[in-house]
Structure formats: structure tokens, C-alpha cells
Amino acid sequence: MIFHTAHLTCRADVVEAFKTRLARHARTSVEREPGGCLRFDVHQEATNPALFLLLEEYADERALEAHRASAHYKAFREDTKDWVIDRKWWFWSPANEEEPNRNPTGGDPQ
């Protein structure tokens, strides 16, 4: 299991367009990558509407690679290349010795 988070900051003048495009990308990722992209949640920072938190979960490294090679991922990056002004990301490992039980379908992806 790969757990990935990212902070994306967009230009202030494109917040609504970016939010709409990002939501579509998240939904498409889960719909078109069943069993690979298990979760893709998007959150907007309460005091800085240009800052977004992405929570992504992938079945394995192969699923993450497939996501990044997909046409919809490349289209998202192209569509938003002039909108994103800062991008930070992290990959996480379980802090406990055993990964907690998880819903194998990733739950309700929104």
C-alpha cells in the first residue's frame, strides 16, 4: 500500500477553476483505476483557499506508476501547469508495526 499526500497551491485568480479541475481529476483517478487508485481525497485550506491537500492511496508501486502514466493524469498536469505555483508531496509508511486493517476497496472515494 502506498499512501501519498501533496500540497498544491494555485494562483489566487484561478482558485475555483483549479478546484473544479482537481475534483474531476480525483474522481477520474478512482473511476478509471479500480483496484489501483484506492483513494483520492481533496481538501481546501480554511484560511487560504488557494492551498489544497491531496490524500491518495495506491495498491502498490505499479498502481502509482500506472496513475502517473495515464492519459488523464497527463491531461490534468497540462491543464493546470500555469495555475499551480507551489507543489510539495510526501510518501508515508505506517508508523505502527502492522498496517491497520483496511477496506480493500478503499471505501467511498467521494
N, C-alpha and C. Protein backbone atom coordinates (compact mmCIF):
# COMPACT_ATOMS: atom_id res chain seq x y z
N MET A 1 0.85 -1.17 0.00
CA MET A 1 0.00 0.00 0.00
C MET A 1 0.89 1.24 0.00
N ILE A 2 0.57 2.20 -0.83
CA ILE A 2 1.31 3.46 -0.89
C ILE A 2 0.35 4.59 -0.51
N PHE A 3 0.74 5.35 0.51
CA PHE A 3 -0.05 6.50 0.94
C PHE A 3 0.73 7.75 0.58
N HIS A 4 0.10 8.62 -0.18
CA HIS A 4 0.76 9.80 -0.74
C HIS A 4 -0.06 11.03 -0.40
N THR A 5 0.62 12.08 0.04
CA THR A 5 -0.06 13.36 0.26
C THR A 5 0.66 14.43 -0.53
N ALA A 6 -0.08 15.47 -0.86
CA ALA A 6 0.52 16.59 -1.58
C ALA A 6 -0.16 17.88 -1.16
N HIS A 7 0.61 18.95 -1.18
CA HIS A 7 0.08 20.30 -1.04
C HIS A 7 0.26 20.98 -2.38
N LEU A 8 -0.83 21.44 -2.96
CA LEU A 8 -0.78 22.20 -4.21
C LEU A 8 -1.32 23.59 -3.93
N THR A 9 -0.57 24.60 -4.32
CA THR A 9 -1.03 25.98 -4.20
C THR A 9 -1.20 26.52 -5.60
N CYS A 10 -2.38 27.07 -5.85
CA CYS A 10 -2.65 27.64 -7.17
C CYS A 10 -2.67 29.16 -7.08
N ARG A 11 -2.66 29.79 -8.23
CA ARG A 11 -2.79 31.24 -8.27
C ARG A 11 -4.15 31.65 -7.73
N ALA A 12 -4.22 32.79 -7.07
CA ALA A 12 -5.46 33.25 -6.45
C ALA A 12 -6.56 33.50 -7.48
N ASP A 13 -6.20 33.86 -8.70
CA ASP A 13 -7.20 34.18 -9.71
C ASP A 13 -7.82 32.95 -10.38
N VAL A 14 -7.34 31.76 -10.05
CA VAL A 14 -7.88 30.55 -10.68
C VAL A 14 -8.37 29.52 -9.65
N VAL A 15 -8.61 29.95 -8.42
CA VAL A 15 -8.97 29.01 -7.35
C VAL A 15 -10.18 28.16 -7.73
N GLU A 16 -11.26 28.76 -8.17
CA GLU A 16 -12.48 27.99 -8.47
C GLU A 16 -12.27 27.05 -9.66
N ALA A 17 -11.61 27.53 -10.69
CA ALA A 17 -11.35 26.67 -11.86
C ALA A 17 -10.43 25.51 -11.47
N PHE A 18 -9.42 25.80 -10.66
CA PHE A 18 -8.50 24.75 -10.23
C PHE A 18 -9.21 23.73 -9.35
N LYS A 19 -10.03 24.20 -8.42
CA LYS A 19 -10.77 23.30 -7.53
C LYS A 19 -11.66 22.36 -8.35
N THR A 20 -12.33 22.89 -9.34
CA THR A 20 -13.19 22.08 -10.20
C THR A 20 -12.37 21.05 -10.97
N ARG A 21 -11.25 21.48 -11.53
CA ARG A 21 -10.41 20.57 -12.33
C ARG A 21 -9.77 19.51 -11.44
N LEU A 22 -9.35 19.89 -10.25
CA LEU A 22 -8.74 18.95 -9.32
C LEU A 22 -9.76 17.91 -8.86
N ALA A 23 -10.98 18.33 -8.57
CA ALA A 23 -12.02 17.38 -8.17
C ALA A 23 -12.31 16.38 -9.29
N ARG A 24 -12.34 16.86 -10.52
CA ARG A 24 -12.56 15.96 -11.66
C ARG A 24 -11.42 14.96 -11.79
N HIS A 25 -10.19 15.44 -11.58
CA HIS A 25 -9.02 14.55 -11.66
C HIS A 25 -9.09 13.47 -10.59
N ALA A 26 -9.44 13.86 -9.37
CA ALA A 26 -9.53 12.88 -8.28
C ALA A 26 -10.59 11.83 -8.59
N ARG A 27 -11.76 12.27 -9.01
CA ARG A 27 -12.87 11.35 -9.33
C ARG A 27 -12.47 10.41 -10.47
N THR A 28 -11.87 10.97 -11.51
CA THR A 28 -11.46 10.17 -12.66
C THR A 28 -10.40 9.14 -12.27
N SER A 29 -9.48 9.52 -11.40
CA SER A 29 -8.42 8.60 -10.98
C SER A 29 -8.99 7.36 -10.32
N VAL A 30 -9.96 7.55 -9.44
CA VAL A 30 -10.56 6.40 -8.75
C VAL A 30 -11.42 5.59 -9.71
N GLU A 31 -12.17 6.26 -10.57
CA GLU A 31 -13.07 5.56 -11.50
C GLU A 31 -12.31 4.78 -12.57
N ARG A 32 -11.23 5.33 -13.08
CA ARG A 32 -10.52 4.69 -14.19
C ARG A 32 -9.39 3.78 -13.75
N GLU A 33 -9.11 3.75 -12.46
CA GLU A 33 -8.03 2.91 -11.96
C GLU A 33 -8.54 2.01 -10.83
N PRO A 34 -9.62 1.27 -11.07
CA PRO A 34 -10.17 0.44 -10.00
C PRO A 34 -9.15 -0.60 -9.51
N GLY A 35 -9.01 -0.69 -8.21
CA GLY A 35 -8.04 -1.62 -7.64
C GLY A 35 -6.64 -1.06 -7.60
N GLY A 36 -6.40 0.08 -8.27
CA GLY A 36 -5.08 0.70 -8.27
C GLY A 36 -5.08 1.96 -7.43
N CYS A 37 -5.86 2.94 -7.86
CA CYS A 37 -6.04 4.16 -7.07
C CYS A 37 -7.23 3.90 -6.15
N LEU A 38 -6.94 3.66 -4.89
CA LEU A 38 -7.96 3.26 -3.93
C LEU A 38 -8.64 4.45 -3.27
N ARG A 39 -7.94 5.56 -3.22
CA ARG A 39 -8.47 6.75 -2.55
C ARG A 39 -7.82 7.98 -3.14
N PHE A 40 -8.62 9.01 -3.34
CA PHE A 40 -8.09 10.30 -3.80
C PHE A 40 -9.01 11.38 -3.26
N ASP A 41 -8.65 11.91 -2.11
CA ASP A 41 -9.46 12.94 -1.45
C ASP A 41 -8.79 14.30 -1.64
N VAL A 42 -9.60 15.32 -1.78
CA VAL A 42 -9.11 16.69 -1.95
C VAL A 42 -9.72 17.56 -0.87
N HIS A 43 -8.87 18.34 -0.20
CA HIS A 43 -9.32 19.27 0.84
C HIS A 43 -8.75 20.65 0.54
N GLN A 44 -9.51 21.66 0.89
CA GLN A 44 -9.11 23.06 0.68
C GLN A 44 -8.85 23.69 2.04
N GLU A 45 -7.74 24.39 2.18
CA GLU A 45 -7.37 25.01 3.44
C GLU A 45 -8.37 26.09 3.81
N ALA A 46 -8.78 26.13 5.07
CA ALA A 46 -9.87 27.01 5.50
C ALA A 46 -9.54 28.49 5.40
N THR A 47 -8.30 28.88 5.64
CA THR A 47 -7.95 30.30 5.63
C THR A 47 -7.18 30.73 4.39
N ASN A 48 -6.74 29.77 3.60
CA ASN A 48 -6.03 30.07 2.36
C ASN A 48 -6.66 29.23 1.25
N PRO A 49 -7.66 29.76 0.57
CA PRO A 49 -8.40 28.96 -0.41
C PRO A 49 -7.58 28.51 -1.61
N ALA A 50 -6.39 29.04 -1.79
CA ALA A 50 -5.53 28.63 -2.91
C ALA A 50 -4.70 27.39 -2.57
N LEU A 51 -4.76 26.92 -1.32
CA LEU A 51 -3.97 25.77 -0.88
C LEU A 51 -4.86 24.54 -0.77
N PHE A 52 -4.43 23.45 -1.42
CA PHE A 52 -5.18 22.20 -1.44
C PHE A 52 -4.32 21.06 -0.91
N LEU A 53 -4.97 20.18 -0.16
CA LEU A 53 -4.34 18.97 0.36
C LEU A 53 -4.91 17.79 -0.40
N LEU A 54 -4.05 16.95 -0.94
CA LEU A 54 -4.47 15.74 -1.63
C LEU A 54 -4.05 14.55 -0.79
N LEU A 55 -4.97 13.62 -0.59
CA LEU A 55 -4.71 12.36 0.12
C LEU A 55 -4.96 11.25 -0.88
N GLU A 56 -3.91 10.52 -1.22
CA GLU A 56 -4.03 9.49 -2.24
C GLU A 56 -3.52 8.17 -1.69
N GLU A 57 -4.19 7.10 -2.07
CA GLU A 57 -3.77 5.77 -1.67
C GLU A 57 -3.78 4.86 -2.89
N TYR A 58 -2.66 4.15 -3.07
CA TYR A 58 -2.50 3.25 -4.22
C TYR A 58 -2.20 1.84 -3.73
N ALA A 59 -2.62 0.86 -4.49
CA ALA A 59 -2.44 -0.53 -4.10
C ALA A 59 -0.97 -0.89 -3.95
N ASP A 60 -0.13 -0.36 -4.85
CA ASP A 60 1.29 -0.69 -4.83
C ASP A 60 2.03 0.27 -5.77
N GLU A 61 3.32 0.08 -5.89
CA GLU A 61 4.15 0.94 -6.74
C GLU A 61 3.69 0.89 -8.20
N ARG A 62 3.30 -0.27 -8.64
CA ARG A 62 2.83 -0.43 -10.02
C ARG A 62 1.58 0.42 -10.28
N ALA A 63 0.68 0.46 -9.31
CA ALA A 63 -0.54 1.27 -9.44
C ALA A 63 -0.21 2.76 -9.49
N LEU A 64 0.75 3.19 -8.68
CA LEU A 64 1.17 4.59 -8.71
C LEU A 64 1.80 4.94 -10.06
N GLU A 65 2.64 4.05 -10.56
CA GLU A 65 3.26 4.27 -11.87
C GLU A 65 2.20 4.33 -12.97
N ALA A 66 1.21 3.47 -12.90
CA ALA A 66 0.12 3.47 -13.89
C ALA A 66 -0.65 4.78 -13.82
N HIS A 67 -0.88 5.26 -12.61
CA HIS A 67 -1.58 6.54 -12.45
C HIS A 67 -0.80 7.66 -13.13
N ARG A 68 0.49 7.73 -12.87
CA ARG A 68 1.30 8.81 -13.42
C ARG A 68 1.52 8.68 -14.93
N ALA A 69 1.32 7.51 -15.47
CA ALA A 69 1.46 7.30 -16.91
C ALA A 69 0.13 7.46 -17.65
N SER A 70 -0.96 7.59 -16.90
CA SER A 70 -2.29 7.63 -17.52
C SER A 70 -2.53 8.92 -18.30
N ALA A 71 -3.38 8.82 -19.29
CA ALA A 71 -3.73 9.99 -20.11
C ALA A 71 -4.42 11.06 -19.26
N HIS A 72 -5.27 10.65 -18.32
CA HIS A 72 -5.99 11.64 -17.51
C HIS A 72 -5.04 12.39 -16.57
N TYR A 73 -4.00 11.72 -16.05
CA TYR A 73 -3.02 12.40 -15.21
C TYR A 73 -2.23 13.43 -16.05
N LYS A 74 -1.79 13.00 -17.21
CA LYS A 74 -1.04 13.91 -18.10
C LYS A 74 -1.90 15.10 -18.52
N ALA A 75 -3.19 14.85 -18.77
CA ALA A 75 -4.10 15.95 -19.14
C ALA A 75 -4.27 16.91 -17.97
N PHE A 76 -4.41 16.39 -16.75
CA PHE A 76 -4.53 17.25 -15.58
C PHE A 76 -3.29 18.13 -15.43
N ARG A 77 -2.12 17.53 -15.55
CA ARG A 77 -0.87 18.30 -15.40
C ARG A 77 -0.77 19.37 -16.49
N GLU A 78 -1.15 19.04 -17.69
CA GLU A 78 -1.12 20.01 -18.79
C GLU A 78 -2.14 21.13 -18.56
N ASP A 79 -3.34 20.76 -18.18
CA ASP A 79 -4.41 21.73 -17.99
C ASP A 79 -4.09 22.73 -16.87
N THR A 80 -3.35 22.30 -15.87
CA THR A 80 -3.10 23.13 -14.69
C THR A 80 -1.67 23.65 -14.57
N LYS A 81 -0.86 23.42 -15.59
CA LYS A 81 0.57 23.75 -15.48
C LYS A 81 0.81 25.23 -15.19
N ASP A 82 -0.03 26.12 -15.67
CA ASP A 82 0.15 27.55 -15.42
C ASP A 82 -0.60 28.03 -14.18
N TRP A 83 -1.36 27.14 -13.56
CA TRP A 83 -2.15 27.52 -12.39
C TRP A 83 -1.43 27.23 -11.08
N VAL A 84 -0.66 26.14 -11.03
CA VAL A 84 -0.01 25.71 -9.79
C VAL A 84 1.29 26.49 -9.60
N ILE A 85 1.39 27.15 -8.44
CA ILE A 85 2.59 27.95 -8.17
C ILE A 85 3.50 27.29 -7.14
N ASP A 86 2.99 26.28 -6.44
CA ASP A 86 3.83 25.54 -5.49
C ASP A 86 3.27 24.13 -5.37
N ARG A 87 4.17 23.18 -5.31
CA ARG A 87 3.78 21.76 -5.25
C ARG A 87 4.77 21.06 -4.33
N LYS A 88 4.23 20.45 -3.27
CA LYS A 88 5.05 19.65 -2.35
C LYS A 88 4.35 18.31 -2.17
N TRP A 89 5.12 17.24 -2.02
CA TRP A 89 4.50 15.94 -1.83
C TRP A 89 5.35 15.05 -0.96
N TRP A 90 4.67 14.07 -0.36
CA TRP A 90 5.30 13.14 0.56
C TRP A 90 4.71 11.75 0.34
N PHE A 91 5.52 10.75 0.67
CA PHE A 91 5.07 9.36 0.70
C PHE A 91 5.22 8.87 2.13
N TRP A 92 4.23 8.14 2.62
CA TRP A 92 4.15 7.76 4.02
C TRP A 92 4.18 6.26 4.20
N SER A 93 4.76 5.84 5.31
CA SER A 93 4.75 4.44 5.72
C SER A 93 4.01 4.35 7.05
N PRO A 94 3.39 3.20 7.33
CA PRO A 94 2.71 3.06 8.62
C PRO A 94 3.71 3.23 9.76
N ALA A 95 3.31 3.95 10.79
CA ALA A 95 4.18 4.17 11.94
C ALA A 95 4.09 3.01 12.92
N ASN A 96 3.01 2.25 12.84
CA ASN A 96 2.90 1.09 13.71
C ASN A 96 3.51 -0.11 13.01
N GLU A 97 3.74 -1.16 13.75
CA GLU A 97 4.42 -2.32 13.18
C GLU A 97 3.60 -3.05 12.15
N GLU A 98 2.30 -3.08 12.35
CA GLU A 98 1.42 -3.72 11.39
C GLU A 98 0.49 -2.67 10.82
N GLU A 99 0.32 -2.72 9.52
CA GLU A 99 -0.61 -1.79 8.89
C GLU A 99 -2.01 -2.13 9.37
N PRO A 100 -2.81 -1.13 9.74
CA PRO A 100 -4.17 -1.43 10.22
C PRO A 100 -5.02 -2.06 9.13
N ASN A 101 -6.05 -2.79 9.57
CA ASN A 101 -6.98 -3.37 8.60
C ASN A 101 -7.60 -2.27 7.78
N ARG A 102 -7.73 -2.50 6.51
CA ARG A 102 -8.29 -1.51 5.61
C ARG A 102 -9.36 -2.15 4.77
N ASN A 103 -10.29 -1.32 4.34
CA ASN A 103 -11.29 -1.76 3.39
C ASN A 103 -10.57 -1.98 2.06
N PRO A 104 -10.59 -3.16 1.48
CA PRO A 104 -9.83 -3.43 0.26
C PRO A 104 -10.28 -2.60 -0.94
N THR A 105 -11.47 -2.05 -0.88
CA THR A 105 -11.92 -1.20 -1.99
C THR A 105 -11.55 0.25 -1.77
N GLY A 106 -10.99 0.57 -0.62
CA GLY A 106 -10.61 1.94 -0.33
C GLY A 106 -11.76 2.76 0.21
N GLY A 107 -12.89 2.17 0.45
CA GLY A 107 -14.03 2.92 0.99
C GLY A 107 -14.69 3.76 -0.08
N ASP A 108 -15.50 4.67 0.37
CA ASP A 108 -16.23 5.56 -0.52
C ASP A 108 -15.29 6.67 -0.99
N PRO A 109 -14.90 6.70 -2.26
CA PRO A 109 -13.91 7.68 -2.74
C PRO A 109 -14.49 9.06 -3.01
N GLN A 110 -15.66 9.36 -2.55
CA GLN A 110 -16.35 10.63 -2.71
C GLN A 110 -17.24 10.59 -3.90
